[in-house]
Amino acid sequence: MTTARATASSSRVGDEVQIATPGHSSTSPDRRGKIVGLVGRPGHEHYLVRWPDGRESVLHPGSDVASHSRRPAHLS
């Protein structure tokens, strides 16, 4: 598994995303979800993310978002 700051060019359907919570604590854990789609135009893609509770939303990646690829490094 590889981890990187999320960018549209590096993140793909099937990758996991993690949103860092400022002042991380047990009462405000990081939020994690799975990319199930890419939306937007080239260079300005956003992620359609499915969260653990089953809801889906569009995520505009920022500096607080990291992606976790489930692809082996040699296939990236």
C-alpha atoms as a PDB file:
ATOM      1  CA  MET A   1       0.000   0.000   0.000  1.00  0.00           C
ATOM      2  CA  THR A   2       1.280   3.464  -0.855  1.00  0.00           C
ATOM      3  CA  THR A   3       0.229   6.769   0.679  1.00  0.00           C
ATOM      4  CA  ALA A   4       0.390  10.183  -0.944  1.00  0.00           C
ATOM      5  CA  ARG A   5      -1.242  13.565  -0.810  1.00  0.00           C
ATOM      6  CA  ALA A   6      -4.356  13.170  -2.936  1.00  0.00           C
ATOM      7  CA  THR A   7      -4.181  14.595  -6.432  1.00  0.00           C
ATOM      8  CA  ALA A   8      -6.513  13.824  -9.285  1.00  0.00           C
ATOM      9  CA  SER A   9      -3.650  12.509 -11.385  1.00  0.00           C
ATOM     10  CA  SER A  10      -2.486  10.083  -8.697  1.00  0.00           C
ATOM     11  CA  SER A  11      -5.763   8.920  -7.149  1.00  0.00           C
ATOM     12  CA  ARG A  12      -7.955   6.336  -8.838  1.00  0.00           C
ATOM     13  CA  VAL A  13     -11.241   4.549  -8.338  1.00  0.00           C
ATOM     14  CA  GLY A  14     -10.719   1.969  -5.592  1.00  0.00           C
ATOM     15  CA  ASP A  15      -8.210   4.054  -3.631  1.00  0.00           C
ATOM     16  CA  GLU A  16      -8.995   5.026  -0.072  1.00  0.00           C
ATOM     17  CA  VAL A  17      -8.968   8.642   1.067  1.00  0.00           C
ATOM     18  CA  GLN A  18      -8.285   9.986   4.525  1.00  0.00           C
ATOM     19  CA  ILE A  19      -9.232  13.467   5.671  1.00  0.00           C
ATOM     20  CA  ALA A  20      -7.057  14.694   8.530  1.00  0.00           C
ATOM     21  CA  THR A  21      -8.889  16.246  11.427  1.00  0.00           C
ATOM     22  CA  PRO A  22      -7.076  19.250  12.946  1.00  0.00           C
ATOM     23  CA  GLY A  23      -6.007  18.507  16.517  1.00  0.00           C
ATOM     24  CA  HIS A  24      -6.597  14.778  15.964  1.00  0.00           C
ATOM     25  CA  SER A  25      -8.014  13.135  19.082  1.00  0.00           C
ATOM     26  CA  SER A  26     -10.194  10.197  19.999  1.00  0.00           C
ATOM     27  CA  THR A  27     -13.255  12.471  19.821  1.00  0.00           C
ATOM     28  CA  SER A  28     -12.417  13.694  16.307  1.00  0.00           C
ATOM     29  CA  PRO A  29     -10.812  10.837  14.366  1.00  0.00           C
ATOM     30  CA  ASP A  30      -9.645  11.174  10.775  1.00  0.00           C
ATOM     31  CA  ARG A  31     -12.403  10.443   8.266  1.00  0.00           C
ATOM     32  CA  ARG A  32     -11.836   7.638   5.739  1.00  0.00           C
ATOM     33  CA  GLY A  33     -13.703   6.614   2.617  1.00  0.00           C
ATOM     34  CA  LYS A  34     -13.295   4.844  -0.719  1.00  0.00           C
ATOM     35  CA  ILE A  35     -13.127   6.558  -4.115  1.00  0.00           C
ATOM     36  CA  VAL A  36     -15.940   5.119  -6.234  1.00  0.00           C
ATOM     37  CA  GLY A  37     -15.789   7.648  -9.078  1.00  0.00           C
ATOM     38  CA  LEU A  38     -13.980  10.652 -10.518  1.00  0.00           C
ATOM     39  CA  VAL A  39     -16.000  13.709 -11.586  1.00  0.00           C
ATOM     40  CA  GLY A  40     -15.099  17.036 -13.168  1.00  0.00           C
ATOM     41  CA  ARG A  41     -12.929  17.890 -16.122  1.00  0.00           C
ATOM     42  CA  PRO A  42      -9.264  16.940 -16.640  1.00  0.00           C
ATOM     43  CA  GLY A  43      -7.052  18.847 -14.259  1.00  0.00           C
ATOM     44  CA  HIS A  44      -9.998  19.667 -11.977  1.00  0.00           C
ATOM     45  CA  GLU A  45     -11.243  16.231 -11.004  1.00  0.00           C
ATOM     46  CA  HIS A  46     -13.024  15.593  -7.727  1.00  0.00           C
ATOM     47  CA  TYR A  47     -13.792  12.294  -6.061  1.00  0.00           C
ATOM     48  CA  LEU A  48     -17.096  10.552  -5.549  1.00  0.00           C
ATOM     49  CA  VAL A  49     -16.452   8.942  -2.153  1.00  0.00           C
ATOM     50  CA  ARG A  50     -18.408   6.245  -0.328  1.00  0.00           C
ATOM     51  CA  TRP A  51     -18.122   6.625   3.443  1.00  0.00           C
ATOM     52  CA  PRO A  52     -18.328   3.725   5.950  1.00  0.00           C
ATOM     53  CA  ASP A  53     -21.972   4.574   6.757  1.00  0.00           C
ATOM     54  CA  GLY A  54     -22.897   3.978   3.083  1.00  0.00           C
ATOM     55  CA  ARG A  55     -23.429   7.620   2.160  1.00  0.00           C
ATOM     56  CA  GLU A  56     -21.692   9.060  -0.902  1.00  0.00           C
ATOM     57  CA  SER A  57     -20.507  12.606  -1.513  1.00  0.00           C
ATOM     58  CA  VAL A  58     -18.247  14.593  -3.820  1.00  0.00           C
ATOM     59  CA  LEU A  59     -14.902  15.425  -2.232  1.00  0.00           C
ATOM     60  CA  HIS A  60     -12.779  18.337  -3.425  1.00  0.00           C
ATOM     61  CA  PRO A  61      -9.264  17.251  -2.412  1.00  0.00           C
ATOM     62  CA  GLY A  62      -7.177  19.709  -0.418  1.00  0.00           C
ATOM     63  CA  SER A  63      -4.065  19.729   1.707  1.00  0.00           C
ATOM     64  CA  ASP A  64      -5.850  17.768   4.453  1.00  0.00           C
ATOM     65  CA  VAL A  65      -6.657  14.816   2.140  1.00  0.00           C
ATOM     66  CA  ALA A  66      -4.367  11.830   1.551  1.00  0.00           C
ATOM     67  CA  SER A  67      -4.983   8.858  -0.708  1.00  0.00           C
ATOM     68  CA  HIS A  68      -4.011   5.279   0.001  1.00  0.00           C
ATOM     69  CA  SER A  69      -3.575   3.078  -3.029  1.00  0.00           C
ATOM     70  CA  ARG A  70      -4.346  -0.623  -2.762  1.00  0.00           C
ATOM     71  CA  ARG A  71      -2.356  -1.314  -5.949  1.00  0.00           C
ATOM     72  CA  PRO A  72       1.075  -2.895  -5.614  1.00  0.00           C
ATOM     73  CA  ALA A  73       3.808  -0.291  -6.304  1.00  0.00           C
ATOM     74  CA  HIS A  74       4.903  -2.046  -9.526  1.00  0.00           C
ATOM     75  CA  LEU A  75       1.380  -1.573 -10.969  1.00  0.00           C
ATOM     76  CA  SER A  76       1.051   2.131 -10.141  1.00  0.00           C
END
